[in-house]
């Protein structure tokens, strides 16, 4: 009986810890979505400016600059700079798609 009680308490404690961590992840995800949408709104403005100036959507030098900056900023985190660059490469690709599909 003692073992069952302790195991039940451990499972409950583990469940509570996991629930707390998952709630924090959910909150971080909400913030990420807000920041991505904020970034997208800025990209829309950039796209309008480029369209008026007849500039191309793709700016390879700017993309390299962003990826290099992200790698540098990411050195201190648990995600490797390379992982962050892969994530940002996907973000950039999606933002370019948004920019390409602007009306006008």
PDB file of N, CA and C in Angstrom:
ATOM      1  N   UNK A   1       0.821  -1.198   0.000  1.00  0.00           N
ATOM      2  CA  UNK A   1       0.000   0.000   0.000  1.00  0.00           C
ATOM      3  C   UNK A   1       0.864   1.262   0.000  1.00  0.00           C
ATOM      4  N   UNK A   2       1.931   1.240   0.764  1.00  0.00           N
ATOM      5  CA  UNK A   2       2.785   2.409   0.839  1.00  0.00           C
ATOM      6  C   UNK A   2       3.357   2.744  -0.537  1.00  0.00           C
ATOM      7  N   UNK A   3       3.816   1.726  -1.264  1.00  0.00           N
ATOM      8  CA  UNK A   3       4.369   1.954  -2.591  1.00  0.00           C
ATOM      9  C   UNK A   3       3.353   2.545  -3.548  1.00  0.00           C
ATOM     10  N   UNK A   4       2.119   2.079  -3.479  1.00  0.00           N
ATOM     11  CA  UNK A   4       1.072   2.589  -4.348  1.00  0.00           C
ATOM     12  C   UNK A   4       0.795   4.047  -4.036  1.00  0.00           C
ATOM     13  N   UNK A   5       0.760   4.385  -2.767  1.00  0.00           N
ATOM     14  CA  UNK A   5       0.499   5.765  -2.366  1.00  0.00           C
ATOM     15  C   UNK A   5       1.611   6.688  -2.847  1.00  0.00           C
ATOM     16  N   UNK A   6       2.852   6.258  -2.641  1.00  0.00           N
ATOM     17  CA  UNK A   6       3.971   7.092  -3.078  1.00  0.00           C
ATOM     18  C   UNK A   6       3.983   7.227  -4.596  1.00  0.00           C
ATOM     19  N   UNK A   7       3.702   6.140  -5.283  1.00  0.00           N
ATOM     20  CA  UNK A   7       3.682   6.208  -6.744  1.00  0.00           C
ATOM     21  C   UNK A   7       2.581   7.148  -7.210  1.00  0.00           C
ATOM     22  N   UNK A   8       1.421   7.067  -6.604  1.00  0.00           N
ATOM     23  CA  UNK A   8       0.321   7.959  -6.950  1.00  0.00           C
ATOM     24  C   UNK A   8       0.685   9.410  -6.712  1.00  0.00           C
ATOM     25  N   UNK A   9       1.362   9.687  -5.610  1.00  0.00           N
ATOM     26  CA  UNK A   9       1.795  11.061  -5.312  1.00  0.00           C
ATOM     27  C   UNK A   9       2.839  11.523  -6.319  1.00  0.00           C
ATOM     28  N   UNK A  10       3.749  10.627  -6.690  1.00  0.00           N
ATOM     29  CA  UNK A  10       4.780  10.973  -7.667  1.00  0.00           C
ATOM     30  C   UNK A  10       4.142  11.265  -9.013  1.00  0.00           C
ATOM     31  N   UNK A  11       3.191  10.435  -9.421  1.00  0.00           N
ATOM     32  CA  UNK A  11       2.498  10.666 -10.690  1.00  0.00           C
ATOM     33  C   UNK A  11       1.744  11.985 -10.662  1.00  0.00           C
ATOM     34  N   UNK A  12       1.095  12.268  -9.534  1.00  0.00           N
ATOM     35  CA  UNK A  12       0.366  13.525  -9.397  1.00  0.00           C
ATOM     36  C   UNK A  12       1.320  14.703  -9.461  1.00  0.00           C
ATOM     37  N   UNK A  13       2.455  14.579  -8.786  1.00  0.00           N
ATOM     38  CA  UNK A  13       3.453  15.642  -8.809  1.00  0.00           C
ATOM     39  C   UNK A  13       3.991  15.828 -10.234  1.00  0.00           C
ATOM     40  N   UNK A  14       4.273  14.714 -10.896  1.00  0.00           N
ATOM     41  CA  UNK A  14       4.770  14.778 -12.277  1.00  0.00           C
ATOM     42  C   UNK A  14       3.727  15.414 -13.181  1.00  0.00           C
ATOM     43  N   UNK A  15       2.484  14.986 -13.040  1.00  0.00           N
ATOM     44  CA  UNK A  15       1.400  15.552 -13.843  1.00  0.00           C
ATOM     45  C   UNK A  15       1.282  17.055 -13.624  1.00  0.00           C
ATOM     46  N   UNK A  16       1.394  17.482 -12.361  1.00  0.00           N
ATOM     47  CA  UNK A  16       1.291  18.910 -12.037  1.00  0.00           C
ATOM     48  C   UNK A  16       2.457  19.684 -12.646  1.00  0.00           C
ATOM     49  N   UNK A  17       3.650  19.109 -12.565  1.00  0.00           N
ATOM     50  CA  UNK A  17       4.830  19.768 -13.138  1.00  0.00           C
ATOM     51  C   UNK A  17       4.704  19.874 -14.647  1.00  0.00           C
ATOM     52  N   UNK A  18       4.251  18.782 -15.277  1.00  0.00           N
ATOM     53  CA  UNK A  18       4.062  18.803 -16.720  1.00  0.00           C
ATOM     54  C   UNK A  18       2.991  19.806 -17.121  1.00  0.00           C
ATOM     55  N   UNK A  19       1.903  19.843 -16.367  1.00  0.00           N
ATOM     56  CA  UNK A  19       0.826  20.788 -16.677  1.00  0.00           C
ATOM     57  C   UNK A  19       1.333  22.222 -16.582  1.00  0.00           C
ATOM     58  N   UNK A  20       2.146  22.507 -15.580  1.00  0.00           N
ATOM     59  CA  UNK A  20       2.693  23.855 -15.420  1.00  0.00           C
ATOM     60  C   UNK A  20       3.609  24.202 -16.597  1.00  0.00           C
ATOM     61  N   UNK A  21       4.486  23.274 -16.961  1.00  0.00           N
ATOM     62  CA  UNK A  21       5.388  23.513 -18.093  1.00  0.00           C
ATOM     63  C   UNK A  21       4.609  23.679 -19.386  1.00  0.00           C
ATOM     64  N   UNK A  22       3.595  22.851 -19.578  1.00  0.00           N
ATOM     65  CA  UNK A  22       2.806  22.938 -20.808  1.00  0.00           C
ATOM     66  C   UNK A  22       2.026  24.238 -20.882  1.00  0.00           C
ATOM     67  N   UNK A  23       1.569  24.730 -19.746  1.00  0.00           N
ATOM     68  CA  UNK A  23       0.887  26.027 -19.726  1.00  0.00           C
ATOM     69  C   UNK A  23       1.869  27.131 -20.124  1.00  0.00           C
ATOM     70  N   UNK A  24       3.101  27.021 -19.669  1.00  0.00           N
ATOM     71  CA  UNK A  24       4.125  27.999 -20.048  1.00  0.00           C
ATOM     72  C   UNK A  24       4.432  27.921 -21.542  1.00  0.00           C
ATOM     73  N   UNK A  25       4.470  26.704 -22.079  1.00  0.00           N
ATOM     74  CA  UNK A  25       4.691  26.529 -23.517  1.00  0.00           C
ATOM     75  C   UNK A  25       3.534  27.150 -24.294  1.00  0.00           C
ATOM     76  N   UNK A  26       2.303  26.910 -23.843  1.00  0.00           N
ATOM     77  CA  UNK A  26       1.133  27.487 -24.513  1.00  0.00           C
ATOM     78  C   UNK A  26       1.215  29.009 -24.528  1.00  0.00           C
ATOM     79  N   UNK A  27       1.626  29.581 -23.402  1.00  0.00           N
ATOM     80  CA  UNK A  27       1.766  31.042 -23.312  1.00  0.00           C
ATOM     81  C   UNK A  27       2.855  31.535 -24.271  1.00  0.00           C
ATOM     82  N   UNK A  28       3.981  30.817 -24.306  1.00  0.00           N
ATOM     83  CA  UNK A  28       5.063  31.191 -25.222  1.00  0.00           C
ATOM     84  C   UNK A  28       4.593  31.080 -26.674  1.00  0.00           C
ATOM     85  N   UNK A  29       3.815  30.034 -26.976  1.00  0.00           N
ATOM     86  CA  UNK A  29       3.284  29.876 -28.338  1.00  0.00           C
ATOM     87  C   UNK A  29       2.379  31.044 -28.718  1.00  0.00           C
ATOM     88  N   UNK A  30       1.555  31.469 -27.784  1.00  0.00           N
ATOM     89  CA  UNK A  30       0.677  32.619 -28.051  1.00  0.00           C
ATOM     90  C   UNK A  30       1.504  33.864 -28.351  1.00  0.00           C
ATOM     91  N   UNK A  31       2.563  34.063 -27.584  1.00  0.00           N
ATOM     92  CA  UNK A  31       3.430  35.213 -27.812  1.00  0.00           C
ATOM     93  C   UNK A  31       4.141  35.104 -29.158  1.00  0.00           C
ATOM     94  N   UNK A  32       4.595  33.891 -29.500  1.00  0.00           N
ATOM     95  CA  UNK A  32       5.241  33.693 -30.802  1.00  0.00           C
ATOM     96  C   UNK A  32       4.293  34.033 -31.944  1.00  0.00           C
ATOM     97  N   UNK A  33       3.046  33.598 -31.839  1.00  0.00           N
ATOM     98  CA  UNK A  33       2.067  33.895 -32.884  1.00  0.00           C
ATOM     99  C   UNK A  33       1.865  35.409 -32.998  1.00  0.00           C
ATOM    100  N   UNK A  34       1.762  36.086 -31.865  1.00  0.00           N
ATOM    101  CA  UNK A  34       1.604  37.544 -31.884  1.00  0.00           C
ATOM    102  C   UNK A  34       2.811  38.204 -32.545  1.00  0.00           C
ATOM    103  N   UNK A  35       4.015  37.768 -32.202  1.00  0.00           N
ATOM    104  CA  UNK A  35       5.228  38.353 -32.774  1.00  0.00           C
ATOM    105  C   UNK A  35       5.357  38.043 -34.263  1.00  0.00           C
ATOM    106  N   UNK A  36       4.983  36.812 -34.648  1.00  0.00           N
ATOM    107  CA  UNK A  36       5.037  36.473 -36.076  1.00  0.00           C
ATOM    108  C   UNK A  36       4.048  37.312 -36.868  1.00  0.00           C
ATOM    109  N   UNK A  37       2.863  37.526 -36.319  1.00  0.00           N
ATOM    110  CA  UNK A  37       1.889  38.373 -37.003  1.00  0.00           C
ATOM    111  C   UNK A  37       2.340  39.830 -37.033  1.00  0.00           C
ATOM    112  N   UNK A  38       3.020  40.266 -35.996  1.00  0.00           N
ATOM    113  CA  UNK A  38       3.576  41.626 -35.990  1.00  0.00           C
ATOM    114  C   UNK A  38       4.634  41.747 -37.080  1.00  0.00           C
ATOM    115  N   UNK A  39       5.483  40.731 -37.170  1.00  0.00           N
ATOM    116  CA  UNK A  39       6.526  40.721 -38.203  1.00  0.00           C
ATOM    117  C   UNK A  39       5.877  40.711 -39.590  1.00  0.00           C
ATOM    118  N   UNK A  40       4.823  39.916 -39.746  1.00  0.00           N
ATOM    119  CA  UNK A  40       4.130  39.825 -41.033  1.00  0.00           C
ATOM    120  C   UNK A  40       3.518  41.164 -41.429  1.00  0.00           C
ATOM    121  N   UNK A  41       2.967  41.876 -40.477  1.00  0.00           N
ATOM    122  CA  UNK A  41       2.383  43.190 -40.779  1.00  0.00           C
ATOM    123  C   UNK A  41       3.465  44.158 -41.272  1.00  0.00           C
ATOM    124  N   UNK A  42       4.632  44.063 -40.685  1.00  0.00           N
ATOM    125  CA  UNK A  42       5.752  44.918 -41.130  1.00  0.00           C
ATOM    126  C   UNK A  42       6.193  44.491 -42.527  1.00  0.00           C
ATOM    127  N   UNK A  43       6.224  43.188 -42.779  1.00  0.00           N
ATOM    128  CA  UNK A  43       6.594  42.683 -44.104  1.00  0.00           C
ATOM    129  C   UNK A  43       5.609  43.180 -45.158  1.00  0.00           C
ATOM    130  N   UNK A  44       4.339  43.241 -44.820  1.00  0.00           N
ATOM    131  CA  UNK A  44       3.341  43.769 -45.756  1.00  0.00           C
ATOM    132  C   UNK A  44       3.696  45.210 -46.110  1.00  0.00           C
ATOM    133  N   UNK A  45       4.062  46.001 -45.127  1.00  0.00           N
ATOM    134  CA  UNK A  45       4.455  47.393 -45.391  1.00  0.00           C
ATOM    135  C   UNK A  45       5.696  47.452 -46.263  1.00  0.00           C
ATOM    136  N   UNK A  46       6.682  46.605 -45.964  1.00  0.00           N
ATOM    137  CA  UNK A  46       7.898  46.545 -46.773  1.00  0.00           C
ATOM    138  C   UNK A  46       7.533  46.167 -48.206  1.00  0.00           C
ATOM    139  N   UNK A  47       6.642  45.196 -48.348  1.00  0.00           N
ATOM    140  CA  UNK A  47       6.212  44.764 -49.678  1.00  0.00           C
ATOM    141  C   UNK A  47       5.556  45.876 -50.466  1.00  0.00           C
ATOM    142  N   UNK A  48       4.735  46.685 -49.799  1.00  0.00           N
ATOM    143  CA  UNK A  48       4.095  47.820 -50.475  1.00  0.00           C
ATOM    144  C   UNK A  48       5.141  48.820 -50.951  1.00  0.00           C
ATOM    145  N   UNK A  49       6.120  49.077 -50.103  1.00  0.00           N
ATOM    146  CA  UNK A  49       7.189  50.016 -50.466  1.00  0.00           C
ATOM    147  C   UNK A  49       7.970  49.481 -51.666  1.00  0.00           C
ATOM    148  N   UNK A  50       8.313  48.194 -51.617  1.00  0.00           N
ATOM    149  CA  UNK A  50       9.057  47.586 -52.722  1.00  0.00           C
ATOM    150  C   UNK A  50       8.240  47.611 -54.013  1.00  0.00           C
ATOM    151  N   UNK A  51       6.945  47.340 -53.918  1.00  0.00           N
ATOM    152  CA  UNK A  51       6.092  47.345 -55.114  1.00  0.00           C
ATOM    153  C   UNK A  51       6.075  48.725 -55.757  1.00  0.00           C
ATOM    154  N   UNK A  52       5.894  49.759 -54.930  1.00  0.00           N
ATOM    155  CA  UNK A  52       5.877  51.128 -55.456  1.00  0.00           C
ATOM    156  C   UNK A  52       7.196  51.485 -56.120  1.00  0.00           C
ATOM    157  N   UNK A  53       8.289  50.983 -55.538  1.00  0.00           N
ATOM    158  CA  UNK A  53       9.625  51.282 -56.074  1.00  0.00           C
ATOM    159  C   UNK A  53      10.052  50.280 -57.149  1.00  0.00           C
ATOM    160  N   UNK A  54       9.169  49.308 -57.441  1.00  0.00           N
ATOM    161  CA  UNK A  54       9.459  48.268 -58.438  1.00  0.00           C
ATOM    162  C   UNK A  54      10.725  47.477 -58.083  1.00  0.00           C
ATOM    163  N   UNK A  55      10.868  47.187 -56.791  1.00  0.00           N
ATOM    164  CA  UNK A  55      11.998  46.387 -56.308  1.00  0.00           C
ATOM    165  C   UNK A  55      11.567  44.930 -56.181  1.00  0.00           C
ATOM    166  N   UNK A  56      12.497  43.991 -56.315  1.00  0.00           N
ATOM    167  CA  UNK A  56      12.136  42.573 -56.187  1.00  0.00           C
ATOM    168  C   UNK A  56      11.799  42.206 -54.742  1.00  0.00           C
ATOM    169  N   UNK A  57      10.986  41.174 -54.612  1.00  0.00           N
ATOM    170  CA  UNK A  57      10.631  40.678 -53.277  1.00  0.00           C
ATOM    171  C   UNK A  57      11.863  40.116 -52.588  1.00  0.00           C
ATOM    172  N   UNK A  58      12.607  39.338 -53.310  1.00  0.00           N
ATOM    173  CA  UNK A  58      13.771  38.659 -52.740  1.00  0.00           C
ATOM    174  C   UNK A  58      14.939  39.626 -52.595  1.00  0.00           C
ATOM    175  N   UNK A  59      15.545  39.587 -51.397  1.00  0.00           N
ATOM    176  CA  UNK A  59      16.735  40.391 -51.109  1.00  0.00           C
ATOM    177  C   UNK A  59      17.753  39.472 -50.434  1.00  0.00           C
ATOM    178  N   UNK A  60      18.499  38.707 -51.229  1.00  0.00           N
ATOM    179  CA  UNK A  60      19.410  37.706 -50.663  1.00  0.00           C
ATOM    180  C   UNK A  60      20.398  38.262 -49.633  1.00  0.00           C
ATOM    181  N   UNK A  61      20.916  39.450 -49.870  1.00  0.00           N
ATOM    182  CA  UNK A  61      21.866  40.030 -48.908  1.00  0.00           C
ATOM    183  C   UNK A  61      21.185  40.280 -47.568  1.00  0.00           C
ATOM    184  N   UNK A  62      19.957  40.770 -47.609  1.00  0.00           N
ATOM    185  CA  UNK A  62      19.208  41.012 -46.374  1.00  0.00           C
ATOM    186  C   UNK A  62      18.912  39.693 -45.657  1.00  0.00           C
ATOM    187  N   UNK A  63      18.559  38.659 -46.408  1.00  0.00           N
ATOM    188  CA  UNK A  63      18.294  37.352 -45.808  1.00  0.00           C
ATOM    189  C   UNK A  63      19.546  36.820 -45.109  1.00  0.00           C
ATOM    190  N   UNK A  64      20.690  36.934 -45.763  1.00  0.00           N
ATOM    191  CA  UNK A  64      21.948  36.490 -45.142  1.00  0.00           C
ATOM    192  C   UNK A  64      22.230  37.280 -43.871  1.00  0.00           C
ATOM    193  N   UNK A  65      21.968  38.591 -43.920  1.00  0.00           N
ATOM    194  CA  UNK A  65      22.182  39.451 -42.754  1.00  0.00           C
ATOM    195  C   UNK A  65      21.297  39.006 -41.587  1.00  0.00           C
ATOM    196  N   UNK A  66      20.034  38.739 -41.870  1.00  0.00           N
ATOM    197  CA  UNK A  66      19.101  38.304 -40.818  1.00  0.00           C
ATOM    198  C   UNK A  66      19.561  36.972 -40.229  1.00  0.00           C
ATOM    199  N   UNK A  67      19.899  36.016 -41.084  1.00  0.00           N
ATOM    200  CA  UNK A  67      20.311  34.700 -40.597  1.00  0.00           C
ATOM    201  C   UNK A  67      21.605  34.772 -39.783  1.00  0.00           C
ATOM    202  N   UNK A  68      22.532  35.620 -40.189  1.00  0.00           N
ATOM    203  CA  UNK A  68      23.776  35.791 -39.430  1.00  0.00           C
ATOM    204  C   UNK A  68      23.495  36.416 -38.069  1.00  0.00           C
ATOM    205  N   UNK A  69      22.608  37.412 -38.047  1.00  0.00           N
ATOM    206  CA  UNK A  69      22.256  38.067 -36.781  1.00  0.00           C
ATOM    207  C   UNK A  69      21.579  37.081 -35.840  1.00  0.00           C
ATOM    208  N   UNK A  70      20.688  36.258 -36.375  1.00  0.00           N
ATOM    209  CA  UNK A  70      19.983  35.268 -35.568  1.00  0.00           C
ATOM    210  C   UNK A  70      20.962  34.249 -34.996  1.00  0.00           C
ATOM    211  N   UNK A  71      21.904  33.802 -35.808  1.00  0.00           N
ATOM    212  CA  UNK A  71      22.908  32.848 -35.336  1.00  0.00           C
ATOM    213  C   UNK A  71      23.720  33.444 -34.198  1.00  0.00           C
ATOM    214  N   UNK A  72      24.088  34.701 -34.330  1.00  0.00           N
ATOM    215  CA  UNK A  72      24.869  35.374 -33.283  1.00  0.00           C
ATOM    216  C   UNK A  72      24.052  35.506 -32.003  1.00  0.00           C
ATOM    217  N   UNK A  73      22.797  35.939 -32.124  1.00  0.00           N
ATOM    218  CA  UNK A  73      21.932  36.118 -30.950  1.00  0.00           C
ATOM    219  C   UNK A  73      21.630  34.777 -30.288  1.00  0.00           C
ATOM    220  N   UNK A  74      21.638  33.701 -31.067  1.00  0.00           N
ATOM    221  CA  UNK A  74      21.243  32.406 -30.559  1.00  0.00           C
ATOM    222  C   UNK A  74      22.321  31.615 -29.865  1.00  0.00           C
ATOM    223  N   UNK A  75      23.507  32.149 -29.773  1.00  0.00           N
ATOM    224  CA  UNK A  75      24.618  31.406 -29.171  1.00  0.00           C
ATOM    225  C   UNK A  75      24.396  31.066 -27.701  1.00  0.00           C
ATOM    226  N   UNK A  76      23.607  31.847 -26.995  1.00  0.00           N
ATOM    227  CA  UNK A  76      23.442  31.650 -25.559  1.00  0.00           C
ATOM    228  C   UNK A  76      22.275  30.728 -25.200  1.00  0.00           C
ATOM    229  N   UNK A  77      21.475  30.340 -26.179  1.00  0.00           N
ATOM    230  CA  UNK A  77      20.264  29.594 -25.851  1.00  0.00           C
ATOM    231  C   UNK A  77      20.406  28.091 -25.975  1.00  0.00           C
ATOM    232  N   UNK A  78      19.385  27.390 -25.551  1.00  0.00           N
ATOM    233  CA  UNK A  78      19.420  25.935 -25.696  1.00  0.00           C
ATOM    234  C   UNK A  78      19.283  25.486 -27.157  1.00  0.00           C
ATOM    235  N   UNK A  79      18.687  26.314 -28.006  1.00  0.00           N
ATOM    236  CA  UNK A  79      18.648  25.992 -29.436  1.00  0.00           C
ATOM    237  C   UNK A  79      19.967  26.412 -30.059  1.00  0.00           C
ATOM    238  N   UNK A  80      20.501  25.560 -30.896  1.00  0.00           N
ATOM    239  CA  UNK A  80      21.768  25.896 -31.555  1.00  0.00           C
ATOM    240  C   UNK A  80      21.533  27.019 -32.565  1.00  0.00           C
ATOM    241  N   UNK A  81      22.582  27.766 -32.883  1.00  0.00           N
ATOM    242  CA  UNK A  81      22.449  28.791 -33.921  1.00  0.00           C
ATOM    243  C   UNK A  81      21.943  28.201 -35.245  1.00  0.00           C
ATOM    244  N   UNK A  82      22.375  26.980 -35.550  1.00  0.00           N
ATOM    245  CA  UNK A  82      21.934  26.338 -36.789  1.00  0.00           C
ATOM    246  C   UNK A  82      20.438  26.030 -36.760  1.00  0.00           C
ATOM    247  N   UNK A  83      19.953  25.584 -35.625  1.00  0.00           N
ATOM    248  CA  UNK A  83      18.514  25.308 -35.493  1.00  0.00           C
ATOM    249  C   UNK A  83      17.720  26.596 -35.661  1.00  0.00           C
ATOM    250  N   UNK A  84      18.198  27.661 -35.035  1.00  0.00           N
ATOM    251  CA  UNK A  84      17.513  28.948 -35.173  1.00  0.00           C
ATOM    252  C   UNK A  84      17.545  29.438 -36.614  1.00  0.00           C
ATOM    253  N   UNK A  85      18.649  29.222 -37.305  1.00  0.00           N
ATOM    254  CA  UNK A  85      18.725  29.625 -38.707  1.00  0.00           C
ATOM    255  C   UNK A  85      17.723  28.834 -39.555  1.00  0.00           C
ATOM    256  N   UNK A  86      17.571  27.541 -39.268  1.00  0.00           N
ATOM    257  CA  UNK A  86      16.587  26.750 -40.022  1.00  0.00           C
ATOM    258  C   UNK A  86      15.172  27.255 -39.763  1.00  0.00           C
ATOM    259  N   UNK A  87      14.877  27.570 -38.514  1.00  0.00           N
ATOM    260  CA  UNK A  87      13.556  28.114 -38.168  1.00  0.00           C
ATOM    261  C   UNK A  87      13.341  29.438 -38.893  1.00  0.00           C
ATOM    262  N   UNK A  88      14.336  30.298 -38.842  1.00  0.00           N
ATOM    263  CA  UNK A  88      14.208  31.610 -39.485  1.00  0.00           C
ATOM    264  C   UNK A  88      14.165  31.512 -41.004  1.00  0.00           C
ATOM    265  N   UNK A  89      14.850  30.537 -41.572  1.00  0.00           N
ATOM    266  CA  UNK A  89      14.774  30.352 -43.024  1.00  0.00           C
ATOM    267  C   UNK A  89      13.334  30.044 -43.421  1.00  0.00           C
ATOM    268  N   UNK A  90      12.652  29.257 -42.607  1.00  0.00           N
ATOM    269  CA  UNK A  90      11.240  28.960 -42.873  1.00  0.00           C
ATOM    270  C   UNK A  90      10.384  30.208 -42.702  1.00  0.00           C
ATOM    271  N   UNK A  91      10.644  30.970 -41.651  1.00  0.00           N
ATOM    272  CA  UNK A  91       9.902  32.219 -41.432  1.00  0.00           C
ATOM    273  C   UNK A  91      10.106  33.156 -42.624  1.00  0.00           C
ATOM    274  N   UNK A  92      11.338  33.302 -43.063  1.00  0.00           N
ATOM    275  CA  UNK A  92      11.638  34.187 -44.194  1.00  0.00           C
ATOM    276  C   UNK A  92      10.905  33.706 -45.443  1.00  0.00           C
ATOM    277  N   UNK A  93      10.918  32.408 -45.673  1.00  0.00           N
ATOM    278  CA  UNK A  93      10.238  31.857 -46.848  1.00  0.00           C
ATOM    279  C   UNK A  93       8.748  32.189 -46.814  1.00  0.00           C
ATOM    280  N   UNK A  94       8.125  32.020 -45.669  1.00  0.00           N
ATOM    281  CA  UNK A  94       6.694  32.323 -45.528  1.00  0.00           C
ATOM    282  C   UNK A  94       6.430  33.819 -45.706  1.00  0.00           C
ATOM    283  N   UNK A  95       7.312  34.644 -45.183  1.00  0.00           N
ATOM    284  CA  UNK A  95       7.143  36.092 -45.312  1.00  0.00           C
ATOM    285  C   UNK A  95       7.299  36.530 -46.773  1.00  0.00           C
ATOM    286  N   UNK A  96       8.229  35.897 -47.490  1.00  0.00           N
ATOM    287  CA  UNK A  96       8.379  36.214 -48.918  1.00  0.00           C
ATOM    288  C   UNK A  96       7.111  35.836 -49.676  1.00  0.00           C
ATOM    289  N   UNK A  97       6.515  34.711 -49.315  1.00  0.00           N
ATOM    290  CA  UNK A  97       5.252  34.309 -49.943  1.00  0.00           C
ATOM    291  C   UNK A  97       4.155  35.308 -49.688  1.00  0.00           C
ATOM    292  N   UNK A  98       4.106  35.814 -48.470  1.00  0.00           N
ATOM    293  CA  UNK A  98       3.126  36.855 -48.115  1.00  0.00           C
ATOM    294  C   UNK A  98       3.364  38.099 -48.961  1.00  0.00           C
ATOM    295  N   UNK A  99       4.605  38.498 -49.040  1.00  0.00           N
ATOM    296  CA  UNK A  99       4.971  39.699 -49.793  1.00  0.00           C
ATOM    297  C   UNK A  99       4.671  39.536 -51.289  1.00  0.00           C
ATOM    298  N   UNK A 100       4.949  38.367 -51.844  1.00  0.00           N
ATOM    299  CA  UNK A 100       4.705  38.113 -53.278  1.00  0.00           C
ATOM    300  C   UNK A 100       3.227  38.179 -53.620  1.00  0.00           C
ATOM    301  N   UNK A 101       2.399  37.799 -52.664  1.00  0.00           N
ATOM    302  CA  UNK A 101       0.948  37.728 -52.921  1.00  0.00           C
ATOM    303  C   UNK A 101       0.189  38.985 -52.570  1.00  0.00           C
ATOM    304  N   UNK A 102       0.896  40.083 -52.342  1.00  0.00           N
ATOM    305  CA  UNK A 102       0.224  41.337 -52.071  1.00  0.00           C
ATOM    306  C   UNK A 102      -0.521  41.814 -53.325  1.00  0.00           C
ATOM    307  N   UNK A 103      -1.700  42.356 -53.154  1.00  0.00           N
ATOM    308  CA  UNK A 103      -2.433  42.848 -54.326  1.00  0.00           C
ATOM    309  C   UNK A 103      -1.729  44.059 -54.944  1.00  0.00           C
ATOM    310  N   UNK A 104      -1.983  44.234 -56.213  1.00  0.00           N
ATOM    311  CA  UNK A 104      -1.469  45.423 -56.901  1.00  0.00           C
ATOM    312  C   UNK A 104      -0.296  45.089 -57.691  1.00  0.00           C
TER     313      UNK A 104
END
